[in-house]
Amino acid sequence: MTKGVKICLAAAVTIFIAAALAVLLLHLPAESTYVEIVQDGKVLYTLDLAEYDDETVQTIRIDSPDGGYNIVEISEGNKICISEADCPDKTCVNTGYLRYENVPIVCLPHRLVVKFADGPQNGG
């Protein structure tokens, strides 16, 4: 092997390892039980999922200033998702349950974000 091939191989291996570590770190399960629902940068709700009964399903309707809406659902096992939305692509609904600290549920058309938080903040 020539020196150039060795350098390219070392660079490729380094990039592969860095990418693998990044994927693993981004998909670590969240340690927090606090969740924020944020719209247009304003915290609307801060919820502690640990306080919810495992058998109860609760829904919160979030109306968008543009007239649209999202339904946020807290369901069995203290899981949270956007269960319904009137946005065109429904990416937020198709994301499923919030699982990972660094991967929020986002509805771009309605500027809504559901994400894990460090603890109680302002909001409902």
PDB file of N, CA and C in Angstrom:
ATOM      1  N   MET A   1       0.836  -1.183   0.000  1.00  0.00           N
ATOM      2  CA  MET A   1       0.000   0.000   0.000  1.00  0.00           C
ATOM      3  C   MET A   1       0.881   1.248   0.000  1.00  0.00           C
ATOM      4  N   THR A   2       0.446   2.205  -0.769  1.00  0.00           N
ATOM      5  CA  THR A   2       1.182   3.465  -0.818  1.00  0.00           C
ATOM      6  C   THR A   2       0.782   4.334   0.376  1.00  0.00           C
ATOM      7  N   LYS A   3       1.591   5.344   0.605  1.00  0.00           N
ATOM      8  CA  LYS A   3       1.341   6.253   1.722  1.00  0.00           C
ATOM      9  C   LYS A   3      -0.016   6.962   1.577  1.00  0.00           C
ATOM     10  N   GLY A   4      -0.379   7.340   0.346  1.00  0.00           N
ATOM     11  CA  GLY A   4      -1.652   8.016   0.090  1.00  0.00           C
ATOM     12  C   GLY A   4      -2.849   7.128   0.397  1.00  0.00           C
ATOM     13  N   VAL A   5      -2.761   5.849   0.051  1.00  0.00           N
ATOM     14  CA  VAL A   5      -3.852   4.908   0.325  1.00  0.00           C
ATOM     15  C   VAL A   5      -4.012   4.717   1.829  1.00  0.00           C
ATOM     16  N   LYS A   6      -2.882   4.620   2.548  1.00  0.00           N
ATOM     17  CA  LYS A   6      -2.937   4.457   4.002  1.00  0.00           C
ATOM     18  C   LYS A   6      -3.594   5.665   4.667  1.00  0.00           C
ATOM     19  N   ILE A   7      -3.257   6.855   4.193  1.00  0.00           N
ATOM     20  CA  ILE A   7      -3.848   8.083   4.749  1.00  0.00           C
ATOM     21  C   ILE A   7      -5.352   8.115   4.478  1.00  0.00           C
ATOM     22  N   CYS A   8      -5.753   7.780   3.277  1.00  0.00           N
ATOM     23  CA  CYS A   8      -7.182   7.755   2.940  1.00  0.00           C
ATOM     24  C   CYS A   8      -7.929   6.721   3.772  1.00  0.00           C
ATOM     25  N   LEU A   9      -7.334   5.554   3.946  1.00  0.00           N
ATOM     26  CA  LEU A   9      -7.950   4.502   4.746  1.00  0.00           C
ATOM     27  C   LEU A   9      -8.086   4.936   6.203  1.00  0.00           C
ATOM     28  N   ALA A  10      -7.061   5.552   6.748  1.00  0.00           N
ATOM     29  CA  ALA A  10      -7.109   6.045   8.131  1.00  0.00           C
ATOM     30  C   ALA A  10      -8.179   7.120   8.282  1.00  0.00           C
ATOM     31  N   ALA A  11      -8.281   8.013   7.310  1.00  0.00           N
ATOM     32  CA  ALA A  11      -9.303   9.065   7.351  1.00  0.00           C
ATOM     33  C   ALA A  11     -10.702   8.466   7.286  1.00  0.00           C
ATOM     34  N   ALA A  12     -10.911   7.482   6.421  1.00  0.00           N
ATOM     35  CA  ALA A  12     -12.220   6.838   6.293  1.00  0.00           C
ATOM     36  C   ALA A  12     -12.613   6.132   7.588  1.00  0.00           C
ATOM     37  N   VAL A  13     -11.672   5.433   8.193  1.00  0.00           N
ATOM     38  CA  VAL A  13     -11.954   4.747   9.464  1.00  0.00           C
ATOM     39  C   VAL A  13     -12.280   5.761  10.557  1.00  0.00           C
ATOM     40  N   THR A  14     -11.549   6.847  10.620  1.00  0.00           N
ATOM     41  CA  THR A  14     -11.803   7.889  11.619  1.00  0.00           C
ATOM     42  C   THR A  14     -13.183   8.502  11.431  1.00  0.00           C
ATOM     43  N   ILE A  15     -13.563   8.796  10.202  1.00  0.00           N
ATOM     44  CA  ILE A  15     -14.884   9.367   9.925  1.00  0.00           C
ATOM     45  C   ILE A  15     -15.977   8.372  10.294  1.00  0.00           C
ATOM     46  N   PHE A  16     -15.792   7.109   9.984  1.00  0.00           N
ATOM     47  CA  PHE A  16     -16.778   6.086  10.319  1.00  0.00           C
ATOM     48  C   PHE A  16     -16.971   5.990  11.828  1.00  0.00           C
ATOM     49  N   ILE A  17     -15.887   5.966  12.586  1.00  0.00           N
ATOM     50  CA  ILE A  17     -15.981   5.862  14.048  1.00  0.00           C
ATOM     51  C   ILE A  17     -16.659   7.102  14.630  1.00  0.00           C
ATOM     52  N   ALA A  18     -16.312   8.279  14.131  1.00  0.00           N
ATOM     53  CA  ALA A  18     -16.933   9.518  14.612  1.00  0.00           C
ATOM     54  C   ALA A  18     -18.431   9.532  14.318  1.00  0.00           C
ATOM     55  N   ALA A  19     -18.821   9.083  13.141  1.00  0.00           N
ATOM     56  CA  ALA A  19     -20.244   9.038  12.781  1.00  0.00           C
ATOM     57  C   ALA A  19     -20.990   8.039  13.665  1.00  0.00           C
ATOM     58  N   ALA A  20     -20.393   6.893  13.908  1.00  0.00           N
ATOM     59  CA  ALA A  20     -21.028   5.880  14.761  1.00  0.00           C
ATOM     60  C   ALA A  20     -21.218   6.410  16.179  1.00  0.00           C
ATOM     61  N   LEU A  21     -20.213   7.087  16.724  1.00  0.00           N
ATOM     62  CA  LEU A  21     -20.336   7.671  18.064  1.00  0.00           C
ATOM     63  C   LEU A  21     -21.409   8.754  18.106  1.00  0.00           C
ATOM     64  N   ALA A  22     -21.476   9.572  17.077  1.00  0.00           N
ATOM     65  CA  ALA A  22     -22.493  10.630  17.027  1.00  0.00           C
ATOM     66  C   ALA A  22     -23.894  10.029  17.024  1.00  0.00           C
ATOM     67  N   VAL A  23     -24.109   8.992  16.248  1.00  0.00           N
ATOM     68  CA  VAL A  23     -25.423   8.337  16.198  1.00  0.00           C
ATOM     69  C   VAL A  23     -25.769   7.754  17.553  1.00  0.00           C
ATOM     70  N   LEU A  24     -24.819   7.100  18.196  1.00  0.00           N
ATOM     71  CA  LEU A  24     -25.074   6.512  19.511  1.00  0.00           C
ATOM     72  C   LEU A  24     -25.395   7.582  20.546  1.00  0.00           C
ATOM     73  N   LEU A  25     -24.652   8.682  20.554  1.00  0.00           N
ATOM     74  CA  LEU A  25     -24.903   9.738  21.527  1.00  0.00           C
ATOM     75  C   LEU A  25     -26.233  10.434  21.293  1.00  0.00           C
ATOM     76  N   LEU A  26     -26.627  10.605  20.043  1.00  0.00           N
ATOM     77  CA  LEU A  26     -27.905  11.246  19.745  1.00  0.00           C
ATOM     78  C   LEU A  26     -29.095  10.373  20.133  1.00  0.00           C
ATOM     79  N   HIS A  27     -28.895   9.080  20.197  1.00  0.00           N
ATOM     80  CA  HIS A  27     -30.005   8.176  20.469  1.00  0.00           C
ATOM     81  C   HIS A  27     -29.943   7.531  21.847  1.00  0.00           C
ATOM     82  N   LEU A  28     -29.298   8.205  22.789  1.00  0.00           N
ATOM     83  CA  LEU A  28     -29.335   7.723  24.160  1.00  0.00           C
ATOM     84  C   LEU A  28     -30.721   7.973  24.730  1.00  0.00           C
ATOM     85  N   PRO A  29     -31.291   7.017  25.453  1.00  0.00           N
ATOM     86  CA  PRO A  29     -32.595   7.244  26.071  1.00  0.00           C
ATOM     87  C   PRO A  29     -32.520   8.414  27.050  1.00  0.00           C
ATOM     88  N   ALA A  30     -33.580   9.164  27.134  1.00  0.00           N
ATOM     89  CA  ALA A  30     -33.609  10.329  28.005  1.00  0.00           C
ATOM     90  C   ALA A  30     -33.677   9.904  29.462  1.00  0.00           C
ATOM     91  N   GLU A  31     -32.962  10.627  30.314  1.00  0.00           N
ATOM     92  CA  GLU A  31     -33.004  10.370  31.744  1.00  0.00           C
ATOM     93  C   GLU A  31     -34.086  11.216  32.407  1.00  0.00           C
ATOM     94  N   SER A  32     -34.424  12.323  31.806  1.00  0.00           N
ATOM     95  CA  SER A  32     -35.401  13.240  32.370  1.00  0.00           C
ATOM     96  C   SER A  32     -36.818  12.734  32.155  1.00  0.00           C
ATOM     97  N   THR A  33     -37.697  13.053  33.100  1.00  0.00           N
ATOM     98  CA  THR A  33     -39.122  12.762  32.912  1.00  0.00           C
ATOM     99  C   THR A  33     -39.881  14.049  32.605  1.00  0.00           C
ATOM    100  N   TYR A  34     -39.164  15.173  32.592  1.00  0.00           N
ATOM    101  CA  TYR A  34     -39.796  16.457  32.288  1.00  0.00           C
ATOM    102  C   TYR A  34     -39.807  16.704  30.786  1.00  0.00           C
ATOM    103  N   VAL A  35     -40.929  17.208  30.309  1.00  0.00           N
ATOM    104  CA  VAL A  35     -41.110  17.492  28.889  1.00  0.00           C
ATOM    105  C   VAL A  35     -41.634  18.912  28.746  1.00  0.00           C
ATOM    106  N   GLU A  36     -41.110  19.621  27.761  1.00  0.00           N
ATOM    107  CA  GLU A  36     -41.616  20.957  27.437  1.00  0.00           C
ATOM    108  C   GLU A  36     -42.342  20.915  26.107  1.00  0.00           C
ATOM    109  N   ILE A  37     -43.446  21.641  26.046  1.00  0.00           N
ATOM    110  CA  ILE A  37     -44.150  21.867  24.784  1.00  0.00           C
ATOM    111  C   ILE A  37     -43.949  23.346  24.478  1.00  0.00           C
ATOM    112  N   VAL A  38     -43.262  23.609  23.366  1.00  0.00           N
ATOM    113  CA  VAL A  38     -42.830  24.965  23.024  1.00  0.00           C
ATOM    114  C   VAL A  38     -43.413  25.347  21.667  1.00  0.00           C
ATOM    115  N   GLN A  39     -43.957  26.567  21.580  1.00  0.00           N
ATOM    116  CA  GLN A  39     -44.444  27.068  20.298  1.00  0.00           C
ATOM    117  C   GLN A  39     -43.907  28.475  20.093  1.00  0.00           C
ATOM    118  N   ASP A  40     -43.313  28.712  18.938  1.00  0.00           N
ATOM    119  CA  ASP A  40     -42.707  30.008  18.619  1.00  0.00           C
ATOM    120  C   ASP A  40     -41.704  30.446  19.687  1.00  0.00           C
ATOM    121  N   GLY A  41     -40.969  29.498  20.257  1.00  0.00           N
ATOM    122  CA  GLY A  41     -39.958  29.807  21.262  1.00  0.00           C
ATOM    123  C   GLY A  41     -40.503  30.036  22.657  1.00  0.00           C
ATOM    124  N   LYS A  42     -41.822  29.971  22.841  1.00  0.00           N
ATOM    125  CA  LYS A  42     -42.438  30.199  24.147  1.00  0.00           C
ATOM    126  C   LYS A  42     -42.858  28.860  24.741  1.00  0.00           C
ATOM    127  N   VAL A  43     -42.452  28.594  25.983  1.00  0.00           N
ATOM    128  CA  VAL A  43     -42.836  27.354  26.664  1.00  0.00           C
ATOM    129  C   VAL A  43     -44.306  27.461  27.054  1.00  0.00           C
ATOM    130  N   LEU A  44     -45.132  26.588  26.445  1.00  0.00           N
ATOM    131  CA  LEU A  44     -46.554  26.568  26.773  1.00  0.00           C
ATOM    132  C   LEU A  44     -46.839  25.678  27.972  1.00  0.00           C
ATOM    133  N   TYR A  45     -46.180  24.531  28.023  1.00  0.00           N
ATOM    134  CA  TYR A  45     -46.384  23.562  29.100  1.00  0.00           C
ATOM    135  C   TYR A  45     -45.051  22.941  29.480  1.00  0.00           C
ATOM    136  N   THR A  46     -44.875  22.699  30.767  1.00  0.00           N
ATOM    137  CA  THR A  46     -43.808  21.852  31.272  1.00  0.00           C
ATOM    138  C   THR A  46     -44.484  20.751  32.061  1.00  0.00           C
ATOM    139  N   LEU A  47     -44.278  19.516  31.638  1.00  0.00           N
ATOM    140  CA  LEU A  47     -44.970  18.374  32.234  1.00  0.00           C
ATOM    141  C   LEU A  47     -43.966  17.398  32.818  1.00  0.00           C
ATOM    142  N   ASP A  48     -44.316  16.802  33.948  1.00  0.00           N
ATOM    143  CA  ASP A  48     -43.523  15.720  34.512  1.00  0.00           C
ATOM    144  C   ASP A  48     -44.264  14.428  34.210  1.00  0.00           C
ATOM    145  N   LEU A  49     -43.739  13.654  33.265  1.00  0.00           N
ATOM    146  CA  LEU A  49     -44.417  12.426  32.855  1.00  0.00           C
ATOM    147  C   LEU A  49     -44.535  11.421  33.992  1.00  0.00           C
ATOM    148  N   ALA A  50     -43.665  11.532  34.991  1.00  0.00           N
ATOM    149  CA  ALA A  50     -43.712  10.613  36.125  1.00  0.00           C
ATOM    150  C   ALA A  50     -44.973  10.813  36.966  1.00  0.00           C
ATOM    151  N   GLU A  51     -45.611  11.959  36.834  1.00  0.00           N
ATOM    152  CA  GLU A  51     -46.814  12.251  37.619  1.00  0.00           C
ATOM    153  C   GLU A  51     -48.089  11.677  36.999  1.00  0.00           C
ATOM    154  N   TYR A  52     -48.008  11.178  35.785  1.00  0.00           N
ATOM    155  CA  TYR A  52     -49.204  10.695  35.107  1.00  0.00           C
ATOM    156  C   TYR A  52     -49.450   9.229  35.413  1.00  0.00           C
ATOM    157  N   ASP A  53     -50.715   8.907  35.574  1.00  0.00           N
ATOM    158  CA  ASP A  53     -51.146   7.537  35.834  1.00  0.00           C
ATOM    159  C   ASP A  53     -50.882   6.679  34.605  1.00  0.00           C
ATOM    160  N   ASP A  54     -50.366   5.485  34.801  1.00  0.00           N
ATOM    161  CA  ASP A  54     -50.042   4.590  33.685  1.00  0.00           C
ATOM    162  C   ASP A  54     -51.270   4.179  32.881  1.00  0.00           C
ATOM    163  N   GLU A  55     -52.452   4.299  33.443  1.00  0.00           N
ATOM    164  CA  GLU A  55     -53.659   3.833  32.756  1.00  0.00           C
ATOM    165  C   GLU A  55     -54.470   4.969  32.141  1.00  0.00           C
ATOM    166  N   THR A  56     -54.066   6.188  32.352  1.00  0.00           N
ATOM    167  CA  THR A  56     -54.823   7.335  31.875  1.00  0.00           C
ATOM    168  C   THR A  56     -54.212   7.891  30.589  1.00  0.00           C
ATOM    169  N   VAL A  57     -55.071   8.249  29.656  1.00  0.00           N
ATOM    170  CA  VAL A  57     -54.633   8.933  28.443  1.00  0.00           C
ATOM    171  C   VAL A  57     -55.132  10.371  28.539  1.00  0.00           C
ATOM    172  N   GLN A  58     -54.215  11.314  28.387  1.00  0.00           N
ATOM    173  CA  GLN A  58     -54.583  12.729  28.432  1.00  0.00           C
ATOM    174  C   GLN A  58     -54.179  13.379  27.115  1.00  0.00           C
ATOM    175  N   THR A  59     -55.021  14.264  26.623  1.00  0.00           N
ATOM    176  CA  THR A  59     -54.693  14.990  25.397  1.00  0.00           C
ATOM    177  C   THR A  59     -54.688  16.489  25.671  1.00  0.00           C
ATOM    178  N   ILE A  60     -53.817  17.180  24.950  1.00  0.00           N
ATOM    179  CA  ILE A  60     -53.727  18.639  25.026  1.00  0.00           C
ATOM    180  C   ILE A  60     -53.798  19.153  23.597  1.00  0.00           C
ATOM    181  N   ARG A  61     -54.754  20.031  23.333  1.00  0.00           N
ATOM    182  CA  ARG A  61     -54.865  20.633  22.001  1.00  0.00           C
ATOM    183  C   ARG A  61     -54.065  21.927  21.996  1.00  0.00           C
ATOM    184  N   ILE A  62     -53.167  22.041  21.022  1.00  0.00           N
ATOM    185  CA  ILE A  62     -52.359  23.241  20.853  1.00  0.00           C
ATOM    186  C   ILE A  62     -52.806  23.892  19.546  1.00  0.00           C
ATOM    187  N   ASP A  63     -53.394  25.073  19.654  1.00  0.00           N
ATOM    188  CA  ASP A  63     -53.822  25.804  18.466  1.00  0.00           C
ATOM    189  C   ASP A  63     -52.685  26.693  17.978  1.00  0.00           C
ATOM    190  N   SER A  64     -52.482  26.712  16.685  1.00  0.00           N
ATOM    191  CA  SER A  64     -51.434  27.503  16.067  1.00  0.00           C
ATOM    192  C   SER A  64     -51.985  28.874  15.688  1.00  0.00           C
ATOM    193  N   PRO A  65     -51.151  29.907  15.716  1.00  0.00           N
ATOM    194  CA  PRO A  65     -51.617  31.233  15.304  1.00  0.00           C
ATOM    195  C   PRO A  65     -52.151  31.265  13.870  1.00  0.00           C
ATOM    196  N   ASP A  66     -51.700  30.331  13.016  1.00  0.00           N
ATOM    197  CA  ASP A  66     -52.173  30.299  11.629  1.00  0.00           C
ATOM    198  C   ASP A  66     -53.504  29.577  11.477  1.00  0.00           C
ATOM    199  N   GLY A  67     -54.090  29.145  12.580  1.00  0.00           N
ATOM    200  CA  GLY A  67     -55.380  28.471  12.527  1.00  0.00           C
ATOM    201  C   GLY A  67     -55.289  26.959  12.575  1.00  0.00           C
ATOM    202  N   GLY A  68     -54.097  26.400  12.493  1.00  0.00           N
ATOM    203  CA  GLY A  68     -53.927  24.958  12.554  1.00  0.00           C
ATOM    204  C   GLY A  68     -53.926  24.466  13.995  1.00  0.00           C
ATOM    205  N   TYR A  69     -53.745  23.139  14.163  1.00  0.00           N
ATOM    206  CA  TYR A  69     -53.725  22.574  15.510  1.00  0.00           C
ATOM    207  C   TYR A  69     -52.884  21.303  15.551  1.00  0.00           C
ATOM    208  N   ASN A  70     -52.475  20.961  16.761  1.00  0.00           N
ATOM    209  CA  ASN A  70     -51.820  19.688  17.065  1.00  0.00           C
ATOM    210  C   ASN A  70     -52.480  19.132  18.316  1.00  0.00           C
ATOM    211  N   ILE A  71     -52.602  17.828  18.389  1.00  0.00           N
ATOM    212  CA  ILE A  71     -53.064  17.156  19.602  1.00  0.00           C
ATOM    213  C   ILE A  71     -51.873  16.413  20.182  1.00  0.00           C
ATOM    214  N   VAL A  72     -51.456  16.808  21.381  1.00  0.00           N
ATOM    215  CA  VAL A  72     -50.373  16.135  22.090  1.00  0.00           C
ATOM    216  C   VAL A  72     -51.030  15.136  23.034  1.00  0.00           C
ATOM    217  N   GLU A  73     -50.539  13.901  23.008  1.00  0.00           N
ATOM    218  CA  GLU A  73     -51.140  12.836  23.811  1.00  0.00           C
ATOM    219  C   GLU A  73     -50.121  12.251  24.778  1.00  0.00           C
ATOM    220  N   ILE A  74     -50.531  12.169  26.038  1.00  0.00           N
ATOM    221  CA  ILE A  74     -49.744  11.476  27.052  1.00  0.00           C
ATOM    222  C   ILE A  74     -50.504  10.189  27.323  1.00  0.00           C
ATOM    223  N   SER A  75     -49.841   9.062  27.091  1.00  0.00           N
ATOM    224  CA  SER A  75     -50.559   7.791  27.167  1.00  0.00           C
ATOM    225  C   SER A  75     -49.903   6.827  28.143  1.00  0.00           C
ATOM    226  N   GLU A  76     -50.441   5.618  28.156  1.00  0.00           N
ATOM    227  CA  GLU A  76     -49.988   4.568  29.060  1.00  0.00           C
ATOM    228  C   GLU A  76     -48.472   4.449  29.044  1.00  0.00           C
ATOM    229  N   GLY A  77     -47.905   4.213  30.205  1.00  0.00           N
ATOM    230  CA  GLY A  77     -46.459   4.090  30.295  1.00  0.00           C
ATOM    231  C   GLY A  77     -45.754   5.425  30.298  1.00  0.00           C
ATOM    232  N   ASN A  78     -46.506   6.512  30.511  1.00  0.00           N
ATOM    233  CA  ASN A  78     -45.940   7.859  30.579  1.00  0.00           C
ATOM    234  C   ASN A  78     -45.183   8.226  29.310  1.00  0.00           C
ATOM    235  N   LYS A  79     -45.808   7.962  28.166  1.00  0.00           N
ATOM    236  CA  LYS A  79     -45.218   8.308  26.877  1.00  0.00           C
ATOM    237  C   LYS A  79     -45.964   9.505  26.304  1.00  0.00           C
ATOM    238  N   ILE A  80     -45.252  10.300  25.509  1.00  0.00           N
ATOM    239  CA  ILE A  80     -45.860  11.487  24.914  1.00  0.00           C
ATOM    240  C   ILE A  80     -45.577  11.508  23.414  1.00  0.00           C
ATOM    241  N   CYS A  81     -46.589  11.935  22.658  1.00  0.00           N
ATOM    242  CA  CYS A  81     -46.444  12.048  21.207  1.00  0.00           C
ATOM    243  C   CYS A  81     -47.416  13.105  20.703  1.00  0.00           C
ATOM    244  N   ILE A  82     -47.267  13.446  19.430  1.00  0.00           N
ATOM    245  CA  ILE A  82     -48.287  14.246  18.753  1.00  0.00           C
ATOM    246  C   ILE A  82     -49.143  13.240  18.004  1.00  0.00           C
ATOM    247  N   SER A  83     -50.370  13.064  18.459  1.00  0.00           N
ATOM    248  CA  SER A  83     -51.231  12.020  17.901  1.00  0.00           C
ATOM    249  C   SER A  83     -52.047  12.491  16.705  1.00  0.00           C
ATOM    250  N   GLU A  84     -52.217  13.809  16.589  1.00  0.00           N
ATOM    251  CA  GLU A  84     -53.026  14.329  15.489  1.00  0.00           C
ATOM    252  C   GLU A  84     -52.577  15.740  15.155  1.00  0.00           C
ATOM    253  N   ALA A  85     -52.615  16.070  13.870  1.00  0.00           N
ATOM    254  CA  ALA A  85     -52.263  17.420  13.421  1.00  0.00           C
ATOM    255  C   ALA A  85     -52.904  17.660  12.065  1.00  0.00           C
ATOM    256  N   ASP A  86     -53.153  18.923  11.766  1.00  0.00           N
ATOM    257  CA  ASP A  86     -53.722  19.234  10.452  1.00  0.00           C
ATOM    258  C   ASP A  86     -52.676  19.798   9.493  1.00  0.00           C
ATOM    259  N   CYS A  87     -51.405  19.603   9.811  1.00  0.00           N
ATOM    260  CA  CYS A  87     -50.346  20.052   8.909  1.00  0.00           C
ATOM    261  C   CYS A  87     -50.297  19.126   7.687  1.00  0.00           C
ATOM    262  N   PRO A  88     -49.755  19.596   6.573  1.00  0.00           N
ATOM    263  CA  PRO A  88     -49.808  18.825   5.330  1.00  0.00           C
ATOM    264  C   PRO A  88     -49.041  17.502   5.349  1.00  0.00           C
ATOM    265  N   ASP A  89     -47.845  17.478   5.931  1.00  0.00           N
ATOM    266  CA  ASP A  89     -47.024  16.263   5.821  1.00  0.00           C
ATOM    267  C   ASP A  89     -47.127  15.316   7.014  1.00  0.00           C
ATOM    268  N   LYS A  90     -47.603  15.779   8.152  1.00  0.00           N
ATOM    269  CA  LYS A  90     -47.794  14.965   9.351  1.00  0.00           C
ATOM    270  C   LYS A  90     -46.499  14.300   9.850  1.00  0.00           C
ATOM    271  N   THR A  91     -45.365  14.923   9.597  1.00  0.00           N
ATOM    272  CA  THR A  91     -44.095  14.395  10.093  1.00  0.00           C
ATOM    273  C   THR A  91     -44.110  14.299  11.611  1.00  0.00           C
ATOM    274  N   CYS A  92     -44.713  15.267  12.270  1.00  0.00           N
ATOM    275  CA  CYS A  92     -44.768  15.267  13.733  1.00  0.00           C
ATOM    276  C   CYS A  92     -45.549  14.056  14.257  1.00  0.00           C
ATOM    277  N   VAL A  93     -46.623  13.698  13.585  1.00  0.00           N
ATOM    278  CA  VAL A  93     -47.421  12.534  13.980  1.00  0.00           C
ATOM    279  C   VAL A  93     -46.639  11.250  13.696  1.00  0.00           C
ATOM    280  N   ASN A  94     -45.998  11.201  12.545  1.00  0.00           N
ATOM    281  CA  ASN A  94     -45.252  10.003  12.147  1.00  0.00           C
ATOM    282  C   ASN A  94     -43.971   9.794  12.943  1.00  0.00           C
ATOM    283  N   THR A  95     -43.516  10.806  13.673  1.00  0.00           N
ATOM    284  CA  THR A  95     -42.319  10.667  14.504  1.00  0.00           C
ATOM    285  C   THR A  95     -42.559   9.666  15.624  1.00  0.00           C
ATOM    286  N   GLY A  96     -43.774   9.563  16.096  1.00  0.00           N
ATOM    287  CA  GLY A  96     -44.083   8.626  17.180  1.00  0.00           C
ATOM    288  C   GLY A  96     -43.806   9.234  18.536  1.00  0.00           C
ATOM    289  N   TYR A  97     -43.487   8.372  19.495  1.00  0.00           N
ATOM    290  CA  TYR A  97     -43.271   8.817  20.869  1.00  0.00           C
ATOM    291  C   TYR A  97     -41.906   9.477  21.044  1.00  0.00           C
ATOM    292  N   LEU A  98     -41.868  10.445  21.950  1.00  0.00           N
ATOM    293  CA  LEU A  98     -40.620  11.105  22.315  1.00  0.00           C
ATOM    294  C   LEU A  98     -39.786  10.113  23.118  1.00  0.00           C
ATOM    295  N   ARG A  99     -38.587   9.790  22.625  1.00  0.00           N
ATOM    296  CA  ARG A  99     -37.751   8.779  23.272  1.00  0.00           C
ATOM    297  C   ARG A  99     -36.378   9.294  23.654  1.00  0.00           C
ATOM    298  N   TYR A 100     -35.817  10.133  22.823  1.00  0.00           N
ATOM    299  CA  TYR A 100     -34.415  10.494  22.963  1.00  0.00           C
ATOM    300  C   TYR A 100     -34.266  11.966  23.325  1.00  0.00           C
ATOM    301  N   GLU A 101     -33.330  12.235  24.209  1.00  0.00           N
ATOM    302  CA  GLU A 101     -33.120  13.580  24.715  1.00  0.00           C
ATOM    303  C   GLU A 101     -32.762  14.578  23.621  1.00  0.00           C
ATOM    304  N   ASN A 102     -32.004  14.158  22.630  1.00  0.00           N
ATOM    305  CA  ASN A 102     -31.529  15.072  21.597  1.00  0.00           C
ATOM    306  C   ASN A 102     -32.354  15.041  20.318  1.00  0.00           C
ATOM    307  N   VAL A 103     -33.474  14.329  20.326  1.00  0.00           N
ATOM    308  CA  VAL A 103     -34.305  14.217  19.132  1.00  0.00           C
ATOM    309  C   VAL A 103     -35.743  14.609  19.500  1.00  0.00           C
ATOM    310  N   PRO A 104     -36.101  15.889  19.352  1.00  0.00           N
ATOM    311  CA  PRO A 104     -37.452  16.329  19.708  1.00  0.00           C
ATOM    312  C   PRO A 104     -38.468  15.940  18.636  1.00  0.00           C
ATOM    313  N   ILE A 105     -39.736  16.099  18.977  1.00  0.00           N
ATOM    314  CA  ILE A 105     -40.814  15.987  17.991  1.00  0.00           C
ATOM    315  C   ILE A 105     -41.082  17.420  17.521  1.00  0.00           C
ATOM    316  N   VAL A 106     -41.069  17.640  16.218  1.00  0.00           N
ATOM    317  CA  VAL A 106     -41.193  18.993  15.681  1.00  0.00           C
ATOM    318  C   VAL A 106     -42.289  19.036  14.631  1.00  0.00           C
ATOM    319  N   CYS A 107     -43.132  20.058  14.720  1.00  0.00           N
ATOM    320  CA  CYS A 107     -44.109  20.364  13.670  1.00  0.00           C
ATOM    321  C   CYS A 107     -43.718  21.732  13.119  1.00  0.00           C
ATOM    322  N   LEU A 108     -43.026  21.738  11.987  1.00  0.00           N
ATOM    323  CA  LEU A 108     -42.554  23.000  11.417  1.00  0.00           C
ATOM    324  C   LEU A 108     -43.686  23.935  10.991  1.00  0.00           C
ATOM    325  N   PRO A 109     -44.746  23.436  10.327  1.00  0.00           N
ATOM    326  CA  PRO A 109     -45.799  24.362   9.914  1.00  0.00           C
ATOM    327  C   PRO A 109     -46.441  25.115  11.085  1.00  0.00           C
ATOM    328  N   HIS A 110     -46.548  24.469  12.241  1.00  0.00           N
ATOM    329  CA  HIS A 110     -47.179  25.109  13.398  1.00  0.00           C
ATOM    330  C   HIS A 110     -46.162  25.605  14.421  1.00  0.00           C
ATOM    331  N   ARG A 111     -44.857  25.493  14.082  1.00  0.00           N
ATOM    332  CA  ARG A 111     -43.765  25.967  14.930  1.00  0.00           C
ATOM    333  C   ARG A 111     -43.871  25.412  16.355  1.00  0.00           C
ATOM    334  N   LEU A 112     -44.129  24.105  16.437  1.00  0.00           N
ATOM    335  CA  LEU A 112     -44.326  23.429  17.721  1.00  0.00           C
ATOM    336  C   LEU A 112     -43.216  22.411  17.943  1.00  0.00           C
ATOM    337  N   VAL A 113     -42.693  22.375  19.172  1.00  0.00           N
ATOM    338  CA  VAL A 113     -41.632  21.437  19.537  1.00  0.00           C
ATOM    339  C   VAL A 113     -42.025  20.762  20.846  1.00  0.00           C
ATOM    340  N   VAL A 114     -41.897  19.445  20.889  1.00  0.00           N
ATOM    341  CA  VAL A 114     -42.068  18.671  22.118  1.00  0.00           C
ATOM    342  C   VAL A 114     -40.713  18.047  22.411  1.00  0.00           C
ATOM    343  N   LYS A 115     -40.135  18.377  23.578  1.00  0.00           N
ATOM    344  CA  LYS A 115     -38.779  17.937  23.878  1.00  0.00           C
ATOM    345  C   LYS A 115     -38.615  17.676  25.361  1.00  0.00           C
ATOM    346  N   PHE A 116     -37.599  16.879  25.692  1.00  0.00           N
ATOM    347  CA  PHE A 116     -37.265  16.654  27.085  1.00  0.00           C
ATOM    348  C   PHE A 116     -36.635  17.915  27.650  1.00  0.00           C
ATOM    349  N   ALA A 117     -36.859  18.158  28.946  1.00  0.00           N
ATOM    350  CA  ALA A 117     -36.319  19.331  29.629  1.00  0.00           C
ATOM    351  C   ALA A 117     -35.581  18.888  30.882  1.00  0.00           C
ATOM    352  N   ASP A 118     -34.768  19.795  31.428  1.00  0.00           N
ATOM    353  CA  ASP A 118     -33.999  19.479  32.639  1.00  0.00           C
ATOM    354  C   ASP A 118     -34.856  19.386  33.879  1.00  0.00           C
ATOM    355  N   GLY A 119     -35.903  20.161  33.946  1.00  0.00           N
ATOM    356  CA  GLY A 119     -36.757  20.160  35.133  1.00  0.00           C
ATOM    357  C   GLY A 119     -37.865  21.164  34.961  1.00  0.00           C
ATOM    358  N   PRO A 120     -38.596  21.441  36.036  1.00  0.00           N
ATOM    359  CA  PRO A 120     -39.720  22.385  35.909  1.00  0.00           C
ATOM    360  C   PRO A 120     -39.244  23.767  35.515  1.00  0.00           C
ATOM    361  N   GLN A 121     -39.914  24.327  34.552  1.00  0.00           N
ATOM    362  CA  GLN A 121     -39.633  25.684  34.068  1.00  0.00           C
ATOM    363  C   GLN A 121     -40.932  26.469  34.155  1.00  0.00           C
ATOM    364  N   ASN A 122     -41.007  27.553  33.407  1.00  0.00           N
ATOM    365  CA  ASN A 122     -42.272  28.302  33.292  1.00  0.00           C
ATOM    366  C   ASN A 122     -43.198  27.553  32.370  1.00  0.00           C
ATOM    367  N   GLY A 123     -44.452  27.802  32.488  1.00  0.00           N
ATOM    368  CA  GLY A 123     -45.428  27.155  31.615  1.00  0.00           C
ATOM    369  C   GLY A 123     -46.510  26.531  32.459  1.00  0.00           C
ATOM    370  N   GLY A 124     -47.443  25.827  31.804  1.00  0.00           N
ATOM    371  CA  GLY A 124     -48.612  25.300  32.482  1.00  0.00           C
ATOM    372  C   GLY A 124     -48.362  23.979  32.952  1.00  0.00           C
TER     373      GLY A 124
END
